Amino acid sequence: MTEAPALRIGTRGSALAVAQTSAFASALRTAAGCDTRLVTVTTEGDRSAQPLTGIGGEGVFATGLRHALLAGQCDVVVHSLKDLPTAPWPGLIVAAIPPRADARDALCARDGLALDALPAGARVGTGSPRRAAQLRARRPDVAPVPLRGNVDTRLAAVARGDLDAVLLAAAGLGRLGRADAITDLLALDRWPTAPGQGALAVEVRAGEEPLVLALDDAPTRLAVTAERRVLALLEAGCTAPVGVHATTDGGVLHLAAAVYDADGRHVLWSVRDVPTTDVPDPADRAAQLVARELLDAGAADLMGVLR
């Protein structure tokens, strides 16, 4: 009997992308009993050293993977959900969202310093407008410094003394085995992160959802769907200064969002709880309530969005 061909799983070539895709592939082999192999795809975001806002921001990592999937170069692609645009892509379906890892941002600083212990004038590297705005809001006496590159490159900038600290996703550090570099974990109730941060999105061609459904986690999908819906309703992109985080507990979906101006001098908050039962679409209901409150309070002007 001929063996079924290995399931080809598309991934970016960065160390983090390969690590998280390899972990997904291992889990899929266990859950579905299939053989897998990784296919590396180079995206526009990988080719360019410019800031993400200068090369389109939204979707610069996802587009290349999606084209490879539609072209038949792979059967499945794995994205970091926070990098995935909120608009659907014709012909493709996010068929699985595995259980989310730590959604928090992490500070990796010299001398084991926490964020509030950084000295005035400290230089903190980040490639995220949202993190830069949050940093200015919390510590207006320190300086965000634009930074790109992989995790090791960013951590090396601290080790060399070029920077006092960097801000990174805790999930990525954990997946790379670099959690030991974390000197402070930033609480989500004060520092909400990018919609979907810590979660993976597993995309397939429409009609091929059964390939990966075994790894879809319903609570994670509900929470991140609410987060991403807020971003869509605000008409904000992946790089907008918006932090959103949702959790489910005891039959309640808790959703909190914050919108910042670029300088971090102004912030708008909205927090809502919606039951996960007796509501046809709790994720959409919570997101509608949060987004409407933020927009009514002037979120579009704060972000500089033309409506």
Foldseek 3Di string as FASTA:
>chain_A
DDDDDAAEEEFADDPLGVLVVVVLQVVLCVQPVGHHDYDHWHFQVNVDPDQLVVVPNACRRPPRVVVCQVVVVGFKYKDQVLRHWLDDDPQKDQLAKFDFDDQWKFKQFPPLDELVRDDFAFEEEDSFLQVLLLSCQVRVRYHYDYDDDDPVVRNVCRVVVVGGIYIDGCLSCVSSVNNVRGSYTDDCVSRAAGQSGRIMTMMGGPPPSVSRNSRHDVQSCLFSLLRSLLCVLLVHGSRANKGKGWGDDDQKIKIKMKHAASSNPDIDIDIDIDGNPPDPRRSNVRSVVGNVVCVVVPRCVRRVHDD
